[in-house]
Protein backbone atom coordinates (compact mmCIF):
# COMPACT_ATOMS: atom_id res chain seq x y z
CA UNK A 1 0.00 0.00 0.00
CA UNK A 2 2.78 2.41 0.89
CA UNK A 3 4.48 1.64 -2.42
CA UNK A 4 1.26 2.38 -4.35
CA UNK A 5 0.80 5.67 -2.46
CA UNK A 6 4.37 6.71 -3.21
CA UNK A 7 3.97 5.89 -6.91
CA UNK A 8 0.70 7.83 -7.05
CA UNK A 9 2.35 10.87 -5.42
CA UNK A 10 5.30 10.70 -7.84
CA UNK A 11 2.89 10.48 -10.80
CA UNK A 12 0.89 13.52 -9.65
CA UNK A 13 4.07 15.53 -9.09
CA UNK A 14 5.36 14.56 -12.55
CA UNK A 15 2.14 15.69 -14.23
CA UNK A 16 2.20 18.99 -12.32
CA UNK A 17 5.80 19.75 -13.30
CA UNK A 18 5.08 18.80 -16.88
CA UNK A 19 2.16 21.28 -17.05
CA UNK A 20 4.27 24.08 -15.60
CA UNK A 21 6.99 23.46 -18.19
CA UNK A 22 4.50 23.71 -21.08
CA UNK A 23 2.83 26.89 -19.67
CA UNK A 24 4.16 30.02 -21.46
CA UNK A 25 5.73 32.70 -19.33
CA UNK A 26 3.38 35.63 -18.54
CA UNK A 27 4.59 39.02 -19.84
CA UNK A 28 5.79 41.51 -17.29
CA UNK A 29 3.47 44.50 -16.72
CA UNK A 30 4.45 47.56 -18.74
CA UNK A 31 3.71 51.26 -18.24
CA UNK A 32 0.55 52.69 -19.88
CA UNK A 33 1.18 53.97 -23.36
CA UNK A 34 1.47 57.75 -23.63
CA UNK A 35 0.92 57.90 -27.39
CA UNK A 36 -2.07 60.12 -28.19
CA UNK A 37 -4.88 58.43 -30.08
CA UNK A 38 -4.98 59.29 -33.76
CA UNK A 39 -8.03 60.96 -35.30
CA UNK A 40 -9.86 59.39 -38.23
CA UNK A 41 -8.74 60.69 -41.65
CA UNK A 42 -10.34 64.03 -42.53
CA UNK A 43 -11.15 64.92 -38.91
CA UNK A 44 -9.97 68.33 -37.69
CA UNK A 45 -8.55 68.51 -34.17
CA UNK A 46 -10.84 70.17 -31.62
CA UNK A 47 -10.40 73.94 -31.45
CA UNK A 48 -10.11 75.74 -28.12
CA UNK A 49 -11.04 79.42 -27.86
CA UNK A 50 -8.09 81.54 -26.82
CA UNK A 51 -8.86 83.73 -23.80
CA UNK A 52 -9.21 87.45 -24.45
CA UNK A 53 -6.54 89.59 -22.80
CA UNK A 54 -9.05 92.14 -21.47
CA UNK A 55 -6.40 94.22 -19.75
CA UNK A 56 -4.60 94.74 -23.05
CA UNK A 57 -7.54 95.03 -25.46
CA UNK A 58 -10.03 96.87 -23.23
CA UNK A 59 -8.12 98.78 -20.55
CA UNK A 60 -10.26 100.99 -18.28
CA UNK A 61 -10.02 104.58 -19.43
CA UNK A 62 -8.30 106.64 -16.74
CA UNK A 63 -8.89 110.40 -16.40
CA UNK A 64 -6.14 111.86 -14.18
CA UNK A 65 -6.26 115.00 -12.09
CA UNK A 66 -4.71 116.73 -9.10
CA UNK A 67 -6.41 117.47 -5.82
CA UNK A 68 -5.08 120.84 -4.67
CA UNK A 69 -4.26 120.95 -0.95
CA UNK A 70 -5.00 123.99 1.20
CA UNK A 71 -1.45 124.10 2.54
CA UNK A 72 0.10 123.88 -0.91
CA UNK A 73 1.01 120.93 -3.08
CA UNK A 74 -1.34 118.38 -4.58
CA UNK A 75 -2.35 114.71 -4.59
CA UNK A 76 -2.79 112.69 -7.81
CA UNK A 77 -6.35 111.37 -8.17
CA UNK A 78 -8.61 109.76 -10.75
CA UNK A 79 -11.59 111.84 -11.86
CA UNK A 80 -14.66 109.60 -11.96
CA UNK A 81 -17.43 112.09 -12.79
CA UNK A 82 -18.26 115.76 -12.47
CA UNK A 83 -21.12 118.14 -11.83
CA UNK A 84 -20.01 121.13 -13.84
CA UNK A 85 -18.83 124.06 -11.68
CA UNK A 86 -20.06 122.26 -8.54
CA UNK A 87 -18.06 119.14 -7.62
CA UNK A 88 -16.01 116.14 -8.69
CA UNK A 89 -16.24 112.52 -7.70
CA UNK A 90 -12.64 111.31 -7.30
CA UNK A 91 -10.71 108.18 -6.41
CA UNK A 92 -7.53 108.38 -4.35
CA UNK A 93 -4.49 106.16 -5.08
CA UNK A 94 -5.54 104.08 -2.04
CA UNK A 95 -8.81 103.20 -3.80
CA UNK A 96 -11.12 105.21 -1.55
CA UNK A 97 -13.55 107.67 -3.16
CA UNK A 98 -14.80 111.12 -2.21
CA UNK A 99 -16.73 114.11 -3.54
CA UNK A 100 -14.78 117.38 -3.51
CA UNK A 101 -15.46 120.96 -4.56
CA UNK A 102 -15.02 121.86 -8.21
CA UNK A 103 -12.26 124.42 -7.65
CA UNK A 104 -10.08 121.94 -5.72
CA UNK A 105 -9.39 119.86 -8.84
CA UNK A 106 -6.97 120.46 -11.67
CA UNK A 107 -7.83 118.12 -14.60
CA UNK A 108 -4.90 116.69 -16.57
CA UNK A 109 -4.64 115.45 -20.14
CA UNK A 110 -5.34 111.69 -20.20
CA UNK A 111 -2.92 109.15 -21.62
CA UNK A 112 -4.83 107.54 -24.48
CA UNK A 113 -3.53 104.07 -25.42
CA UNK A 114 -2.92 103.24 -29.07
CA UNK A 115 -5.18 100.23 -29.45
CA UNK A 116 -6.03 98.15 -32.52
CA UNK A 117 -9.72 97.85 -33.43
CA UNK A 118 -11.08 94.68 -31.77
CA UNK A 119 -12.79 91.93 -33.71
CA UNK A 120 -16.44 91.13 -33.10
CA UNK A 121 -15.45 87.90 -31.35
CA UNK A 122 -13.08 89.79 -29.02
CA UNK A 123 -15.82 92.26 -28.11
CA UNK A 124 -18.24 89.39 -27.42
CA UNK A 125 -15.73 87.53 -25.25
CA UNK A 126 -14.96 90.68 -23.24
CA UNK A 127 -18.63 91.57 -22.71
CA UNK A 128 -19.42 88.04 -21.59
CA UNK A 129 -16.79 88.34 -18.86
CA UNK A 130 -18.29 91.67 -17.77
CA UNK A 131 -22.03 91.07 -18.23
CA UNK A 132 -22.39 87.28 -18.14
CA UNK A 133 -23.20 84.60 -20.68
CA UNK A 134 -25.70 84.77 -22.32
CA UNK A 135 -25.51 88.52 -22.82
CA UNK A 136 -28.50 90.80 -22.13
CA UNK A 137 -30.85 91.17 -25.06
CA UNK A 138 -29.65 94.68 -26.00
CA UNK A 139 -26.25 96.14 -25.08
CA UNK A 140 -24.59 99.51 -25.74
CA UNK A 141 -20.84 99.18 -25.12
CA UNK A 142 -19.02 102.51 -24.84
CA UNK A 143 -15.27 102.13 -25.37
CA UNK A 144 -13.78 105.36 -24.01
CA UNK A 145 -10.28 104.47 -25.22
CA UNK A 146 -11.38 104.07 -28.86
CA UNK A 147 -14.33 106.51 -28.69
CA UNK A 148 -16.77 104.02 -30.15
CA UNK A 149 -20.17 102.63 -29.25
CA UNK A 150 -20.80 99.00 -30.16
CA UNK A 151 -24.45 97.96 -30.36
CA UNK A 152 -25.34 94.33 -29.72
CA UNK A 153 -28.69 92.64 -30.03
CA UNK A 154 -29.30 89.04 -28.96
CA UNK A 155 -25.57 88.42 -28.61
CA UNK A 156 -24.64 89.76 -32.07
CA UNK A 157 -22.81 92.94 -33.03
CA UNK A 158 -25.17 94.92 -35.24
CA UNK A 159 -23.36 98.27 -35.41
CA UNK A 160 -20.20 100.12 -34.36
CA UNK A 161 -20.43 103.93 -34.24
CA UNK A 162 -18.04 106.77 -33.37
CA UNK A 163 -18.90 108.85 -30.33
CA UNK A 164 -17.80 111.97 -28.49
CA UNK A 165 -17.03 111.60 -24.79
CA UNK A 166 -16.38 114.03 -21.95
CA UNK A 167 -13.40 116.33 -21.95
CA UNK A 168 -10.71 116.27 -19.24
CA UNK A 169 -12.80 118.42 -16.91
CA UNK A 170 -16.02 116.46 -17.48
CA UNK A 171 -15.10 112.74 -17.59
CA UNK A 172 -17.66 110.22 -18.76
CA UNK A 173 -18.12 107.84 -15.80
CA UNK A 174 -17.30 104.18 -16.26
CA UNK A 175 -19.67 101.47 -15.09
CA UNK A 176 -22.73 99.39 -15.88
CA UNK A 177 -26.05 101.20 -16.28
CA UNK A 178 -29.54 100.72 -17.74
CA UNK A 179 -31.51 102.86 -20.18
CA UNK A 180 -34.38 104.21 -18.06
CA UNK A 181 -36.01 106.88 -20.22
CA UNK A 182 -35.82 108.44 -23.69
CA UNK A 183 -36.83 111.71 -25.28
CA UNK A 184 -37.15 112.63 -28.95
CA UNK A 185 -35.88 116.20 -28.52
CA UNK A 186 -33.60 117.98 -26.05
CA UNK A 187 -31.41 121.06 -26.03
CA UNK A 188 -31.07 124.69 -24.99
CA UNK A 189 -33.89 126.89 -26.17
CA UNK A 190 -32.85 129.26 -28.90
CA UNK A 191 -29.29 127.86 -28.98
CA UNK A 192 -29.12 124.20 -30.06
CA UNK A 193 -31.26 121.09 -30.49
CA UNK A 194 -30.44 117.39 -30.07
CA UNK A 195 -32.39 114.36 -31.19
CA UNK A 196 -32.98 111.04 -29.47
CA UNK A 197 -31.90 111.57 -25.89
CA UNK A 198 -31.31 108.13 -24.33
CA UNK A 199 -30.72 108.48 -20.58
CA UNK A 200 -28.80 105.92 -18.54
CA UNK A 201 -27.25 107.60 -15.46
CA UNK A 202 -27.41 110.93 -13.59
CA UNK A 203 -26.93 113.71 -16.11
CA UNK A 204 -25.44 111.34 -18.70
CA UNK A 205 -27.16 110.17 -21.84
CA UNK A 206 -26.73 109.39 -25.50
CA UNK A 207 -27.93 111.96 -28.01
CA UNK A 208 -27.34 113.15 -31.55
CA UNK A 209 -24.88 115.79 -32.65
CA UNK A 210 -25.92 119.41 -32.09
CA UNK A 211 -28.40 120.88 -34.56
CA UNK A 212 -29.53 124.48 -34.90
CA UNK A 213 -32.51 125.31 -32.75
CA UNK A 214 -34.85 124.98 -35.74
CA UNK A 215 -33.27 121.64 -36.61
CA UNK A 216 -32.51 122.69 -40.18
CA UNK A 217 -28.72 122.34 -39.97
CA UNK A 218 -25.87 120.84 -37.98
CA UNK A 219 -24.37 123.23 -35.46
CA UNK A 220 -21.56 120.91 -34.31
CA UNK A 221 -21.09 117.49 -35.89
CA UNK A 222 -17.63 116.61 -34.57
CA UNK A 223 -17.23 113.00 -33.42
CA UNK A 224 -14.36 110.83 -32.14
CA UNK A 225 -13.28 113.60 -29.77
CA UNK A 226 -13.22 114.42 -26.06
CA UNK A 227 -15.03 117.72 -25.92
CA UNK A 228 -18.46 117.25 -24.38
CA UNK A 229 -19.64 117.59 -20.78
CA UNK A 230 -19.54 113.84 -20.30
CA UNK A 231 -22.29 112.93 -22.74
CA UNK A 232 -21.98 110.30 -25.44
CA UNK A 233 -22.91 111.78 -28.79
CA UNK A 234 -24.19 109.53 -31.58
CA UNK A 235 -24.75 110.63 -35.14
CA UNK A 236 -27.44 108.01 -35.65
CA UNK A 237 -30.95 107.21 -34.53
CA UNK A 238 -30.53 106.61 -30.80
CA UNK A 239 -34.21 105.80 -30.49
CA UNK A 240 -33.42 102.22 -31.52
CA UNK A 241 -32.13 101.47 -27.99
CA UNK A 242 -35.05 100.08 -25.97
CA UNK A 243 -35.82 100.83 -22.34
CA UNK A 244 -33.94 98.38 -20.15
CA UNK A 245 -31.00 98.14 -22.53
CA UNK A 246 -27.71 97.58 -20.70
CA UNK A 247 -25.04 100.27 -21.05
CA UNK A 248 -21.44 99.34 -20.28
CA UNK A 249 -18.97 102.22 -20.23
CA UNK A 250 -15.29 101.33 -19.99
């Protein structure tokens, strides 16, 4: 019996060793391939939209001035807005703001950057960062550096127009506003007449160039200049802007 058991054990061990000898060696694990998958023929690689450099393309327009001190000397400030012959709203270098008397401010000539005209896509990308995506239904974008007004409806640029902004003493305030009322005529009786007043903030509004009081001729049609009292002058039909339209002034 012992001999039979020994033979049986030897036979089992022989079969086991024989199977191991015939079994192919398993390949060693290798690192995951880093080769990018190839695209099917004729397929374009996915395009990624390059971010807009807003600081370079659409820098905030800065109107400098000096705050005159009673003891002599001055402090450099940014002029934010003005009420002619009454007061200025200013921003100190620290970032704090204040309202000061008109005669305490000396306006300075602004440094106007030499900027290329932006593409429609660049304007859209910038406005989406400022106003959100999707954009409001109707937008008037005032670019104080380029002295243009870009009109957008339902997320599409429909017109770009030249404008006239405030002079050094009457800066056009930057910010986001909303068209809240409109008037077909405005002006100074017996002196000049404007068409299509579109109001958006304080004493600031869009309007046409200056016509004679009777409206039969142009009194002052200059555009693309800084010579108004902070108003944005359009040579076109401003009545197209609906109430509730968003105005972004930069």
